[in-house]
């Protein structure tokens, strides 16, 4: 008998996404960083943008970290994304490895395994992550893990909401501070244009105190991120620190809001949380494919004497946003051992960034 022209469809098992809840906050007394709170619910009020820009000025020029409230995202949406991320990290390793980051090309989309050794300490990196690109036609051919395919409509909707409700407004406020046209930075990071923006699920797997001590005796991992803005959702396990203007490292207190990254690192959690995996939900905004990485023509920077003649020149060769970001990703992540980088810099087509901060 000839085979049927209609083949029976094999059902694909749907991954269970169990609700995730934030762990209890630490009871330890930590040195918390004071942070400015920006209430975006005032953005569309008469004079609201200008007032918010004044509030933001000190945070962006001295600290680089602030809290965002009144953003219009409800906590149920946020916890759902944490739940999806948590379920992904419980998948078997074969499924997680089905689409891995291509660090050879500096591409950050996909899964990053915690496989690198930290120098000669005998301790491995404890971070796993999954990076999901924007839902735009240019990235339709990027592979997706099973749990992402099954929940893609709500993931992609959340992705765009983050840009429209938070990132776009922050770029407008920063443009006002720099005395640029309000859409200057928004256009350089337009959501519907090709860039390496991504939503990230991230987990710091647990270590013993002895493993933390060995890893941090080699490097504590202070760094700045590769793009323009980083949004980080609060999750209660302490460990994130920022370097304050006085050079001291201070903990970032979990709050109901969003945070933007500056020089930061993650250290050993408090004793009452060291047994808890530190789950993360983040959004990384990168300058676009057609954004040339030159100093913005800011009247404020001009008045402060911060623009050199080279900065003002529009003729010097400069990389695009994607070229720069991918070069830096390749430099940091295309390796099997995490190396020390004290007093070194990353340089690419005229741009220079310190690699390591104590």
C-alpha atoms as a PDB file:
ATOM      1  CA  UNK A   1       0.000   0.000   0.000  1.00  0.00           C
ATOM      2  CA  UNK A   2       1.396   3.418  -0.963  1.00  0.00           C
ATOM      3  CA  UNK A   3       2.269   5.828   1.862  1.00  0.00           C
ATOM      4  CA  UNK A   4      -0.425   8.327   2.641  1.00  0.00           C
ATOM      5  CA  UNK A   5       0.055  11.724   1.033  1.00  0.00           C
ATOM      6  CA  UNK A   6      -0.964  13.253   4.325  1.00  0.00           C
ATOM      7  CA  UNK A   7       1.587  12.579   7.031  1.00  0.00           C
ATOM      8  CA  UNK A   8       0.438  12.534  10.614  1.00  0.00           C
ATOM      9  CA  UNK A   9       1.654  15.588  12.486  1.00  0.00           C
ATOM     10  CA  UNK A  10       3.806  14.712  15.498  1.00  0.00           C
ATOM     11  CA  UNK A  11       2.702  16.864  18.435  1.00  0.00           C
ATOM     12  CA  UNK A  12       5.405  19.016  19.999  1.00  0.00           C
ATOM     13  CA  UNK A  13       5.358  19.047  23.767  1.00  0.00           C
ATOM     14  CA  UNK A  14       4.760  22.538  25.121  1.00  0.00           C
ATOM     15  CA  UNK A  15       7.248  23.682  27.727  1.00  0.00           C
ATOM     16  CA  UNK A  16       5.624  24.338  31.079  1.00  0.00           C
ATOM     17  CA  UNK A  17       6.170  27.864  32.369  1.00  0.00           C
ATOM     18  CA  UNK A  18       5.663  27.816  36.118  1.00  0.00           C
ATOM     19  CA  UNK A  19       5.020  31.171  37.826  1.00  0.00           C
ATOM     20  CA  UNK A  20       8.188  32.676  39.293  1.00  0.00           C
ATOM     21  CA  UNK A  21       8.134  34.962  42.308  1.00  0.00           C
ATOM     22  CA  UNK A  22      10.839  37.234  43.660  1.00  0.00           C
ATOM     23  CA  UNK A  23      12.827  35.829  46.599  1.00  0.00           C
ATOM     24  CA  UNK A  24      12.650  37.601  49.943  1.00  0.00           C
ATOM     25  CA  UNK A  25      14.966  40.630  50.236  1.00  0.00           C
ATOM     26  CA  UNK A  26      18.147  40.255  52.255  1.00  0.00           C
ATOM     27  CA  UNK A  27      18.088  41.135  55.943  1.00  0.00           C
ATOM     28  CA  UNK A  28      21.752  42.138  55.962  1.00  0.00           C
ATOM     29  CA  UNK A  29      22.792  45.764  56.403  1.00  0.00           C
ATOM     30  CA  UNK A  30      24.427  46.763  53.109  1.00  0.00           C
ATOM     31  CA  UNK A  31      25.856  50.051  51.858  1.00  0.00           C
ATOM     32  CA  UNK A  32      23.122  51.009  49.384  1.00  0.00           C
ATOM     33  CA  UNK A  33      23.717  53.561  46.610  1.00  0.00           C
ATOM     34  CA  UNK A  34      21.407  56.611  46.659  1.00  0.00           C
ATOM     35  CA  UNK A  35      19.613  56.747  43.301  1.00  0.00           C
ATOM     36  CA  UNK A  36      17.520  59.381  41.540  1.00  0.00           C
ATOM     37  CA  UNK A  37      13.915  58.345  40.795  1.00  0.00           C
ATOM     38  CA  UNK A  38      12.480  59.341  37.408  1.00  0.00           C
ATOM     39  CA  UNK A  39       8.678  59.169  37.156  1.00  0.00           C
ATOM     40  CA  UNK A  40       7.839  58.734  33.471  1.00  0.00           C
ATOM     41  CA  UNK A  41       4.108  59.183  34.122  1.00  0.00           C
ATOM     42  CA  UNK A  42       4.891  62.936  34.049  1.00  0.00           C
ATOM     43  CA  UNK A  43       6.504  62.758  30.591  1.00  0.00           C
ATOM     44  CA  UNK A  44       3.449  63.963  28.629  1.00  0.00           C
ATOM     45  CA  UNK A  45       2.379  66.642  31.113  1.00  0.00           C
ATOM     46  CA  UNK A  46       2.935  70.301  30.124  1.00  0.00           C
ATOM     47  CA  UNK A  47       6.593  70.980  30.910  1.00  0.00           C
ATOM     48  CA  UNK A  48       6.976  67.415  32.158  1.00  0.00           C
ATOM     49  CA  UNK A  49       9.836  66.417  29.860  1.00  0.00           C
ATOM     50  CA  UNK A  50      11.845  69.497  30.742  1.00  0.00           C
ATOM     51  CA  UNK A  51      11.380  68.960  34.479  1.00  0.00           C
ATOM     52  CA  UNK A  52      12.319  65.278  34.206  1.00  0.00           C
ATOM     53  CA  UNK A  53      15.421  66.202  32.197  1.00  0.00           C
ATOM     54  CA  UNK A  54      16.524  68.503  35.023  1.00  0.00           C
ATOM     55  CA  UNK A  55      16.059  65.672  37.527  1.00  0.00           C
ATOM     56  CA  UNK A  56      17.977  63.268  35.302  1.00  0.00           C
ATOM     57  CA  UNK A  57      20.951  65.569  34.676  1.00  0.00           C
ATOM     58  CA  UNK A  58      22.888  64.667  37.833  1.00  0.00           C
ATOM     59  CA  UNK A  59      22.208  60.954  37.428  1.00  0.00           C
ATOM     60  CA  UNK A  60      23.500  60.788  33.849  1.00  0.00           C
ATOM     61  CA  UNK A  61      26.532  63.015  34.417  1.00  0.00           C
ATOM     62  CA  UNK A  62      27.737  61.712  37.793  1.00  0.00           C
ATOM     63  CA  UNK A  63      26.263  58.295  38.556  1.00  0.00           C
ATOM     64  CA  UNK A  64      24.878  56.754  35.367  1.00  0.00           C
ATOM     65  CA  UNK A  65      22.307  54.716  37.269  1.00  0.00           C
ATOM     66  CA  UNK A  66      18.761  55.698  38.128  1.00  0.00           C
ATOM     67  CA  UNK A  67      15.366  54.251  38.980  1.00  0.00           C
ATOM     68  CA  UNK A  68      12.450  54.529  36.555  1.00  0.00           C
ATOM     69  CA  UNK A  69       8.871  54.431  37.862  1.00  0.00           C
ATOM     70  CA  UNK A  70       5.524  55.313  36.298  1.00  0.00           C
ATOM     71  CA  UNK A  71       6.531  53.504  33.105  1.00  0.00           C
ATOM     72  CA  UNK A  72       3.189  51.841  32.386  1.00  0.00           C
ATOM     73  CA  UNK A  73       4.405  48.238  32.530  1.00  0.00           C
ATOM     74  CA  UNK A  74       2.512  46.211  35.103  1.00  0.00           C
ATOM     75  CA  UNK A  75       4.292  43.796  37.411  1.00  0.00           C
ATOM     76  CA  UNK A  76       2.307  40.833  36.091  1.00  0.00           C
ATOM     77  CA  UNK A  77       3.924  41.326  32.648  1.00  0.00           C
ATOM     78  CA  UNK A  78       7.357  41.590  34.214  1.00  0.00           C
ATOM     79  CA  UNK A  79       6.960  38.488  36.391  1.00  0.00           C
ATOM     80  CA  UNK A  80       5.712  36.550  33.367  1.00  0.00           C
ATOM     81  CA  UNK A  81       8.977  37.332  31.535  1.00  0.00           C
ATOM     82  CA  UNK A  82      10.986  36.251  34.579  1.00  0.00           C
ATOM     83  CA  UNK A  83       8.946  33.025  34.569  1.00  0.00           C
ATOM     84  CA  UNK A  84       9.715  32.326  30.905  1.00  0.00           C
ATOM     85  CA  UNK A  85      13.408  32.958  31.506  1.00  0.00           C
ATOM     86  CA  UNK A  86      13.447  30.714  34.571  1.00  0.00           C
ATOM     87  CA  UNK A  87      11.745  27.927  32.606  1.00  0.00           C
ATOM     88  CA  UNK A  88      14.311  28.263  29.800  1.00  0.00           C
ATOM     89  CA  UNK A  89      17.241  27.768  32.167  1.00  0.00           C
ATOM     90  CA  UNK A  90      15.633  24.542  33.424  1.00  0.00           C
ATOM     91  CA  UNK A  91      15.613  23.094  29.880  1.00  0.00           C
ATOM     92  CA  UNK A  92      18.091  20.319  29.078  1.00  0.00           C
ATOM     93  CA  UNK A  93      21.490  21.392  27.799  1.00  0.00           C
ATOM     94  CA  UNK A  94      20.863  19.994  24.306  1.00  0.00           C
ATOM     95  CA  UNK A  95      17.858  22.290  23.876  1.00  0.00           C
ATOM     96  CA  UNK A  96      19.774  25.292  25.225  1.00  0.00           C
ATOM     97  CA  UNK A  97      22.685  24.552  22.881  1.00  0.00           C
ATOM     98  CA  UNK A  98      20.381  24.324  19.851  1.00  0.00           C
ATOM     99  CA  UNK A  99      21.080  28.017  19.137  1.00  0.00           C
ATOM    100  CA  UNK A 100      24.230  29.469  20.680  1.00  0.00           C
ATOM    101  CA  UNK A 101      25.775  32.942  20.433  1.00  0.00           C
ATOM    102  CA  UNK A 102      28.155  33.241  17.477  1.00  0.00           C
ATOM    103  CA  UNK A 103      30.988  35.059  19.224  1.00  0.00           C
ATOM    104  CA  UNK A 104      33.347  34.449  16.299  1.00  0.00           C
ATOM    105  CA  UNK A 105      31.306  37.078  14.428  1.00  0.00           C
ATOM    106  CA  UNK A 106      30.514  39.159  17.517  1.00  0.00           C
ATOM    107  CA  UNK A 107      26.842  38.145  17.367  1.00  0.00           C
ATOM    108  CA  UNK A 108      25.118  38.085  20.752  1.00  0.00           C
ATOM    109  CA  UNK A 109      21.744  36.570  19.823  1.00  0.00           C
ATOM    110  CA  UNK A 110      21.136  33.108  21.283  1.00  0.00           C
ATOM    111  CA  UNK A 111      22.339  31.135  24.308  1.00  0.00           C
ATOM    112  CA  UNK A 112      25.591  31.676  26.196  1.00  0.00           C
ATOM    113  CA  UNK A 113      26.641  28.726  28.310  1.00  0.00           C
ATOM    114  CA  UNK A 114      28.552  29.062  31.583  1.00  0.00           C
ATOM    115  CA  UNK A 115      31.551  27.208  30.161  1.00  0.00           C
ATOM    116  CA  UNK A 116      34.476  29.639  30.481  1.00  0.00           C
ATOM    117  CA  UNK A 117      37.133  29.275  33.160  1.00  0.00           C
ATOM    118  CA  UNK A 118      38.044  32.273  35.298  1.00  0.00           C
ATOM    119  CA  UNK A 119      41.780  32.524  34.782  1.00  0.00           C
ATOM    120  CA  UNK A 120      43.651  29.757  36.606  1.00  0.00           C
ATOM    121  CA  UNK A 121      41.281  29.640  39.595  1.00  0.00           C
ATOM    122  CA  UNK A 122      39.686  26.304  38.730  1.00  0.00           C
ATOM    123  CA  UNK A 123      36.299  28.053  38.948  1.00  0.00           C
ATOM    124  CA  UNK A 124      33.980  28.453  35.971  1.00  0.00           C
ATOM    125  CA  UNK A 125      31.882  31.441  35.018  1.00  0.00           C
ATOM    126  CA  UNK A 126      28.469  30.977  36.679  1.00  0.00           C
ATOM    127  CA  UNK A 127      26.432  33.047  34.194  1.00  0.00           C
ATOM    128  CA  UNK A 128      24.030  31.658  31.608  1.00  0.00           C
ATOM    129  CA  UNK A 129      22.060  33.947  29.327  1.00  0.00           C
ATOM    130  CA  UNK A 130      19.651  33.964  26.402  1.00  0.00           C
ATOM    131  CA  UNK A 131      19.480  37.025  24.138  1.00  0.00           C
ATOM    132  CA  UNK A 132      16.405  37.607  21.962  1.00  0.00           C
ATOM    133  CA  UNK A 133      16.501  40.177  19.105  1.00  0.00           C
ATOM    134  CA  UNK A 134      13.841  42.721  18.235  1.00  0.00           C
ATOM    135  CA  UNK A 135      10.744  41.441  16.441  1.00  0.00           C
ATOM    136  CA  UNK A 136      11.508  43.103  13.100  1.00  0.00           C
ATOM    137  CA  UNK A 137      11.563  41.529   9.597  1.00  0.00           C
ATOM    138  CA  UNK A 138      15.366  41.742   9.422  1.00  0.00           C
ATOM    139  CA  UNK A 139      15.634  39.199  12.245  1.00  0.00           C
ATOM    140  CA  UNK A 140      12.893  36.785  11.115  1.00  0.00           C
ATOM    141  CA  UNK A 141      15.526  34.196  10.168  1.00  0.00           C
ATOM    142  CA  UNK A 142      17.236  34.216  13.581  1.00  0.00           C
ATOM    143  CA  UNK A 143      16.611  30.781  15.184  1.00  0.00           C
ATOM    144  CA  UNK A 144      14.428  30.576  18.275  1.00  0.00           C
ATOM    145  CA  UNK A 145      14.493  28.091  21.125  1.00  0.00           C
ATOM    146  CA  UNK A 146      11.361  26.029  21.710  1.00  0.00           C
ATOM    147  CA  UNK A 147      10.131  28.046  24.701  1.00  0.00           C
ATOM    148  CA  UNK A 148      10.664  31.305  22.788  1.00  0.00           C
ATOM    149  CA  UNK A 149       8.697  30.065  19.759  1.00  0.00           C
ATOM    150  CA  UNK A 150       5.860  28.954  22.025  1.00  0.00           C
ATOM    151  CA  UNK A 151       5.630  32.313  23.815  1.00  0.00           C
ATOM    152  CA  UNK A 152       6.859  34.627  21.076  1.00  0.00           C
ATOM    153  CA  UNK A 153       3.786  36.833  20.751  1.00  0.00           C
ATOM    154  CA  UNK A 154       3.966  38.045  24.356  1.00  0.00           C
ATOM    155  CA  UNK A 155       7.792  38.218  24.332  1.00  0.00           C
ATOM    156  CA  UNK A 156       7.854  40.371  21.192  1.00  0.00           C
ATOM    157  CA  UNK A 157       5.058  42.592  22.528  1.00  0.00           C
ATOM    158  CA  UNK A 158       6.971  43.108  25.792  1.00  0.00           C
ATOM    159  CA  UNK A 159      10.127  43.819  23.779  1.00  0.00           C
ATOM    160  CA  UNK A 160       8.462  46.665  21.867  1.00  0.00           C
ATOM    161  CA  UNK A 161       6.673  47.995  24.956  1.00  0.00           C
ATOM    162  CA  UNK A 162      10.035  48.437  26.680  1.00  0.00           C
ATOM    163  CA  UNK A 163      11.308  50.559  23.831  1.00  0.00           C
ATOM    164  CA  UNK A 164       8.188  52.691  23.407  1.00  0.00           C
ATOM    165  CA  UNK A 165       7.310  53.199  27.078  1.00  0.00           C
ATOM    166  CA  UNK A 166      10.796  53.524  28.554  1.00  0.00           C
ATOM    167  CA  UNK A 167      13.786  53.717  26.202  1.00  0.00           C
ATOM    168  CA  UNK A 168      12.278  56.181  23.714  1.00  0.00           C
ATOM    169  CA  UNK A 169      11.330  58.548  26.531  1.00  0.00           C
ATOM    170  CA  UNK A 170      14.743  58.299  28.198  1.00  0.00           C
ATOM    171  CA  UNK A 171      16.449  59.137  24.903  1.00  0.00           C
ATOM    172  CA  UNK A 172      14.227  62.217  24.573  1.00  0.00           C
ATOM    173  CA  UNK A 173      15.193  63.337  28.090  1.00  0.00           C
ATOM    174  CA  UNK A 174      18.904  62.822  27.398  1.00  0.00           C
ATOM    175  CA  UNK A 175      18.570  64.743  24.113  1.00  0.00           C
ATOM    176  CA  UNK A 176      16.990  67.641  26.030  1.00  0.00           C
ATOM    177  CA  UNK A 177      19.926  67.571  28.477  1.00  0.00           C
ATOM    178  CA  UNK A 178      22.403  67.678  25.570  1.00  0.00           C
ATOM    179  CA  UNK A 179      20.346  70.428  23.842  1.00  0.00           C
ATOM    180  CA  UNK A 180      19.829  68.275  20.763  1.00  0.00           C
ATOM    181  CA  UNK A 181      16.606  67.883  18.758  1.00  0.00           C
ATOM    182  CA  UNK A 182      14.317  65.682  20.850  1.00  0.00           C
ATOM    183  CA  UNK A 183      14.313  62.853  18.291  1.00  0.00           C
ATOM    184  CA  UNK A 184      18.094  62.854  17.706  1.00  0.00           C
ATOM    185  CA  UNK A 185      18.907  59.819  19.869  1.00  0.00           C
ATOM    186  CA  UNK A 186      15.599  58.075  19.158  1.00  0.00           C
ATOM    187  CA  UNK A 187      16.393  58.105  15.432  1.00  0.00           C
ATOM    188  CA  UNK A 188      19.884  56.740  16.102  1.00  0.00           C
ATOM    189  CA  UNK A 189      18.248  53.778  17.886  1.00  0.00           C
ATOM    190  CA  UNK A 190      14.946  53.431  15.974  1.00  0.00           C
ATOM    191  CA  UNK A 191      13.180  50.201  16.948  1.00  0.00           C
ATOM    192  CA  UNK A 192      12.143  49.277  13.412  1.00  0.00           C
ATOM    193  CA  UNK A 193      15.670  49.622  12.048  1.00  0.00           C
ATOM    194  CA  UNK A 194      18.242  46.853  12.180  1.00  0.00           C
ATOM    195  CA  UNK A 195      20.380  46.854  15.343  1.00  0.00           C
ATOM    196  CA  UNK A 196      21.589  44.365  17.936  1.00  0.00           C
ATOM    197  CA  UNK A 197      19.051  45.382  20.620  1.00  0.00           C
ATOM    198  CA  UNK A 198      18.001  42.380  22.655  1.00  0.00           C
ATOM    199  CA  UNK A 199      15.907  41.215  25.572  1.00  0.00           C
ATOM    200  CA  UNK A 200      17.986  39.060  27.912  1.00  0.00           C
ATOM    201  CA  UNK A 201      17.107  36.287  30.322  1.00  0.00           C
ATOM    202  CA  UNK A 202      20.109  35.748  32.603  1.00  0.00           C
ATOM    203  CA  UNK A 203      20.962  33.619  35.602  1.00  0.00           C
ATOM    204  CA  UNK A 204      23.845  33.644  38.054  1.00  0.00           C
ATOM    205  CA  UNK A 205      23.989  30.031  39.195  1.00  0.00           C
ATOM    206  CA  UNK A 206      24.837  29.431  42.833  1.00  0.00           C
ATOM    207  CA  UNK A 207      28.408  29.027  44.079  1.00  0.00           C
ATOM    208  CA  UNK A 208      29.907  28.159  47.419  1.00  0.00           C
ATOM    209  CA  UNK A 209      31.515  30.990  49.385  1.00  0.00           C
ATOM    210  CA  UNK A 210      34.911  29.425  48.653  1.00  0.00           C
ATOM    211  CA  UNK A 211      34.209  29.462  44.885  1.00  0.00           C
ATOM    212  CA  UNK A 212      33.102  33.101  45.055  1.00  0.00           C
ATOM    213  CA  UNK A 213      36.280  33.991  46.949  1.00  0.00           C
ATOM    214  CA  UNK A 214      38.541  32.281  44.406  1.00  0.00           C
ATOM    215  CA  UNK A 215      36.751  33.855  41.438  1.00  0.00           C
ATOM    216  CA  UNK A 216      36.808  37.367  42.902  1.00  0.00           C
ATOM    217  CA  UNK A 217      40.432  37.132  43.988  1.00  0.00           C
ATOM    218  CA  UNK A 218      41.182  36.897  40.257  1.00  0.00           C
ATOM    219  CA  UNK A 219      38.762  39.548  38.993  1.00  0.00           C
ATOM    220  CA  UNK A 220      35.645  41.249  40.356  1.00  0.00           C
ATOM    221  CA  UNK A 221      34.473  42.047  36.839  1.00  0.00           C
ATOM    222  CA  UNK A 222      33.715  45.765  36.994  1.00  0.00           C
ATOM    223  CA  UNK A 223      32.702  46.970  33.526  1.00  0.00           C
ATOM    224  CA  UNK A 224      30.469  49.178  31.436  1.00  0.00           C
ATOM    225  CA  UNK A 225      27.991  47.703  28.961  1.00  0.00           C
ATOM    226  CA  UNK A 226      28.505  47.766  25.198  1.00  0.00           C
ATOM    227  CA  UNK A 227      25.485  49.761  24.072  1.00  0.00           C
ATOM    228  CA  UNK A 228      23.642  52.980  24.838  1.00  0.00           C
ATOM    229  CA  UNK A 229      21.078  52.072  27.521  1.00  0.00           C
ATOM    230  CA  UNK A 230      20.584  48.993  29.680  1.00  0.00           C
ATOM    231  CA  UNK A 231      17.325  48.348  31.513  1.00  0.00           C
ATOM    232  CA  UNK A 232      17.450  45.973  34.456  1.00  0.00           C
ATOM    233  CA  UNK A 233      14.393  44.677  36.278  1.00  0.00           C
ATOM    234  CA  UNK A 234      14.468  44.293  40.038  1.00  0.00           C
ATOM    235  CA  UNK A 235      14.603  40.746  41.419  1.00  0.00           C
ATOM    236  CA  UNK A 236      15.661  41.061  45.123  1.00  0.00           C
ATOM    237  CA  UNK A 237      18.861  38.951  45.268  1.00  0.00           C
ATOM    238  CA  UNK A 238      21.535  41.496  46.196  1.00  0.00           C
ATOM    239  CA  UNK A 239      24.974  41.428  44.596  1.00  0.00           C
ATOM    240  CA  UNK A 240      24.819  44.176  41.967  1.00  0.00           C
ATOM    241  CA  UNK A 241      27.129  47.077  42.786  1.00  0.00           C
ATOM    242  CA  UNK A 242      27.862  50.372  41.040  1.00  0.00           C
ATOM    243  CA  UNK A 243      30.937  52.545  41.368  1.00  0.00           C
ATOM    244  CA  UNK A 244      29.866  55.819  42.979  1.00  0.00           C
ATOM    245  CA  UNK A 245      31.349  59.212  41.996  1.00  0.00           C
ATOM    246  CA  UNK A 246      33.728  58.981  44.978  1.00  0.00           C
ATOM    247  CA  UNK A 247      35.124  55.700  43.626  1.00  0.00           C
ATOM    248  CA  UNK A 248      33.477  53.538  46.283  1.00  0.00           C
ATOM    249  CA  UNK A 249      31.427  50.481  45.309  1.00  0.00           C
ATOM    250  CA  UNK A 250      27.842  50.526  46.617  1.00  0.00           C
ATOM    251  CA  UNK A 251      25.021  48.001  46.384  1.00  0.00           C
ATOM    252  CA  UNK A 252      21.967  48.706  44.242  1.00  0.00           C
ATOM    253  CA  UNK A 253      18.876  48.199  46.349  1.00  0.00           C
ATOM    254  CA  UNK A 254      16.083  46.198  44.677  1.00  0.00           C
ATOM    255  CA  UNK A 255      13.127  48.466  43.935  1.00  0.00           C
ATOM    256  CA  UNK A 256       9.956  48.305  41.905  1.00  0.00           C
ATOM    257  CA  UNK A 257      11.323  49.901  38.766  1.00  0.00           C
ATOM    258  CA  UNK A 258      14.002  49.909  36.106  1.00  0.00           C
ATOM    259  CA  UNK A 259      17.685  50.733  36.274  1.00  0.00           C
ATOM    260  CA  UNK A 260      20.215  51.964  33.749  1.00  0.00           C
ATOM    261  CA  UNK A 261      23.766  50.618  33.758  1.00  0.00           C
ATOM    262  CA  UNK A 262      27.043  52.422  34.413  1.00  0.00           C
ATOM    263  CA  UNK A 263      30.312  50.964  35.760  1.00  0.00           C
ATOM    264  CA  UNK A 264      29.003  47.975  37.655  1.00  0.00           C
ATOM    265  CA  UNK A 265      29.716  44.426  38.769  1.00  0.00           C
ATOM    266  CA  UNK A 266      28.049  41.482  40.508  1.00  0.00           C
ATOM    267  CA  UNK A 267      29.679  40.187  43.685  1.00  0.00           C
ATOM    268  CA  UNK A 268      28.920  37.481  46.246  1.00  0.00           C
ATOM    269  CA  UNK A 269      25.296  37.684  47.431  1.00  0.00           C
ATOM    270  CA  UNK A 270      24.643  38.238  51.157  1.00  0.00           C
ATOM    271  CA  UNK A 271      24.896  35.137  53.352  1.00  0.00           C
ATOM    272  CA  UNK A 272      21.120  34.763  53.581  1.00  0.00           C
ATOM    273  CA  UNK A 273      20.823  34.716  49.759  1.00  0.00           C
ATOM    274  CA  UNK A 274      23.972  32.864  48.634  1.00  0.00           C
ATOM    275  CA  UNK A 275      21.923  29.690  48.028  1.00  0.00           C
ATOM    276  CA  UNK A 276      19.477  31.455  45.653  1.00  0.00           C
ATOM    277  CA  UNK A 277      20.130  31.611  41.878  1.00  0.00           C
ATOM    278  CA  UNK A 278      20.140  35.265  40.780  1.00  0.00           C
ATOM    279  CA  UNK A 279      17.669  35.441  37.884  1.00  0.00           C
ATOM    280  CA  UNK A 280      17.889  38.493  35.639  1.00  0.00           C
ATOM    281  CA  UNK A 281      15.652  40.217  33.089  1.00  0.00           C
ATOM    282  CA  UNK A 282      17.286  42.971  31.044  1.00  0.00           C
ATOM    283  CA  UNK A 283      16.969  44.979  27.842  1.00  0.00           C
ATOM    284  CA  UNK A 284      20.057  46.180  25.978  1.00  0.00           C
ATOM    285  CA  UNK A 285      19.658  49.029  23.502  1.00  0.00           C
ATOM    286  CA  UNK A 286      22.355  49.277  20.822  1.00  0.00           C
ATOM    287  CA  UNK A 287      23.021  51.992  18.225  1.00  0.00           C
ATOM    288  CA  UNK A 288      21.763  50.949  14.797  1.00  0.00           C
ATOM    289  CA  UNK A 289      23.364  49.606  11.628  1.00  0.00           C
ATOM    290  CA  UNK A 290      23.253  53.024   9.980  1.00  0.00           C
ATOM    291  CA  UNK A 291      24.237  55.048  13.079  1.00  0.00           C
ATOM    292  CA  UNK A 292      27.775  56.392  12.751  1.00  0.00           C
ATOM    293  CA  UNK A 293      29.608  56.421  16.083  1.00  0.00           C
ATOM    294  CA  UNK A 294      30.648  60.063  16.266  1.00  0.00           C
ATOM    295  CA  UNK A 295      30.354  62.548  19.121  1.00  0.00           C
ATOM    296  CA  UNK A 296      26.942  64.224  19.047  1.00  0.00           C
ATOM    297  CA  UNK A 297      26.959  67.958  18.122  1.00  0.00           C
ATOM    298  CA  UNK A 298      25.783  69.061  21.556  1.00  0.00           C
ATOM    299  CA  UNK A 299      25.782  72.795  22.397  1.00  0.00           C
ATOM    300  CA  UNK A 300      26.105  71.805  26.067  1.00  0.00           C
ATOM    301  CA  UNK A 301      29.282  69.812  25.408  1.00  0.00           C
ATOM    302  CA  UNK A 302      30.608  72.741  23.367  1.00  0.00           C
ATOM    303  CA  UNK A 303      30.039  75.221  26.206  1.00  0.00           C
ATOM    304  CA  UNK A 304      31.658  72.896  28.731  1.00  0.00           C
ATOM    305  CA  UNK A 305      34.751  72.603  26.537  1.00  0.00           C
ATOM    306  CA  UNK A 306      34.293  68.860  26.109  1.00  0.00           C
ATOM    307  CA  UNK A 307      34.397  68.827  22.288  1.00  0.00           C
ATOM    308  CA  UNK A 308      37.776  68.611  20.581  1.00  0.00           C
ATOM    309  CA  UNK A 309      38.298  69.574  16.953  1.00  0.00           C
ATOM    310  CA  UNK A 310      38.471  65.871  16.174  1.00  0.00           C
ATOM    311  CA  UNK A 311      35.096  65.389  17.891  1.00  0.00           C
ATOM    312  CA  UNK A 312      33.569  68.113  15.721  1.00  0.00           C
ATOM    313  CA  UNK A 313      34.907  66.674  12.464  1.00  0.00           C
ATOM    314  CA  UNK A 314      32.404  64.735  10.394  1.00  0.00           C
ATOM    315  CA  UNK A 315      35.026  63.530   7.920  1.00  0.00           C
ATOM    316  CA  UNK A 316      37.071  61.182  10.117  1.00  0.00           C
ATOM    317  CA  UNK A 317      36.372  57.463   9.557  1.00  0.00           C
ATOM    318  CA  UNK A 318      34.080  55.992  12.209  1.00  0.00           C
ATOM    319  CA  UNK A 319      32.372  52.631  12.685  1.00  0.00           C
ATOM    320  CA  UNK A 320      28.634  52.089  12.661  1.00  0.00           C
ATOM    321  CA  UNK A 321      26.890  51.123  15.871  1.00  0.00           C
ATOM    322  CA  UNK A 322      26.646  47.453  14.912  1.00  0.00           C
ATOM    323  CA  UNK A 323      30.284  47.290  13.787  1.00  0.00           C
ATOM    324  CA  UNK A 324      31.462  48.721  17.096  1.00  0.00           C
ATOM    325  CA  UNK A 325      29.212  46.575  19.303  1.00  0.00           C
ATOM    326  CA  UNK A 326      30.087  43.343  17.494  1.00  0.00           C
ATOM    327  CA  UNK A 327      33.803  44.105  17.623  1.00  0.00           C
ATOM    328  CA  UNK A 328      33.558  44.592  21.386  1.00  0.00           C
ATOM    329  CA  UNK A 329      31.431  41.470  21.890  1.00  0.00           C
ATOM    330  CA  UNK A 330      33.981  39.453  19.906  1.00  0.00           C
ATOM    331  CA  UNK A 331      36.862  40.894  21.948  1.00  0.00           C
ATOM    332  CA  UNK A 332      35.258  40.105  25.319  1.00  0.00           C
ATOM    333  CA  UNK A 333      33.471  36.818  24.669  1.00  0.00           C
ATOM    334  CA  UNK A 334      35.292  34.878  21.934  1.00  0.00           C
ATOM    335  CA  UNK A 335      37.500  32.971  24.400  1.00  0.00           C
ATOM    336  CA  UNK A 336      37.456  29.959  26.686  1.00  0.00           C
ATOM    337  CA  UNK A 337      39.184  31.628  29.660  1.00  0.00           C
ATOM    338  CA  UNK A 338      38.225  34.951  31.284  1.00  0.00           C
ATOM    339  CA  UNK A 339      41.428  36.989  31.459  1.00  0.00           C
ATOM    340  CA  UNK A 340      42.576  39.878  33.633  1.00  0.00           C
ATOM    341  CA  UNK A 341      42.406  43.250  31.911  1.00  0.00           C
ATOM    342  CA  UNK A 342      43.689  45.798  34.395  1.00  0.00           C
ATOM    343  CA  UNK A 343      44.994  48.965  32.757  1.00  0.00           C
ATOM    344  CA  UNK A 344      44.032  47.889  29.238  1.00  0.00           C
ATOM    345  CA  UNK A 345      41.611  49.369  26.718  1.00  0.00           C
ATOM    346  CA  UNK A 346      39.543  48.196  23.791  1.00  0.00           C
ATOM    347  CA  UNK A 347      40.202  50.225  20.652  1.00  0.00           C
ATOM    348  CA  UNK A 348      38.307  50.039  17.368  1.00  0.00           C
ATOM    349  CA  UNK A 349      38.359  52.502  14.462  1.00  0.00           C
ATOM    350  CA  UNK A 350      39.179  55.504  16.626  1.00  0.00           C
ATOM    351  CA  UNK A 351      36.991  54.582  19.621  1.00  0.00           C
ATOM    352  CA  UNK A 352      38.632  53.660  22.927  1.00  0.00           C
ATOM    353  CA  UNK A 353      37.010  52.154  26.039  1.00  0.00           C
ATOM    354  CA  UNK A 354      38.677  50.932  29.272  1.00  0.00           C
ATOM    355  CA  UNK A 355      38.312  47.154  29.547  1.00  0.00           C
ATOM    356  CA  UNK A 356      38.393  46.735  33.289  1.00  0.00           C
ATOM    357  CA  UNK A 357      37.529  48.606  36.436  1.00  0.00           C
ATOM    358  CA  UNK A 358      38.604  47.417  39.905  1.00  0.00           C
END
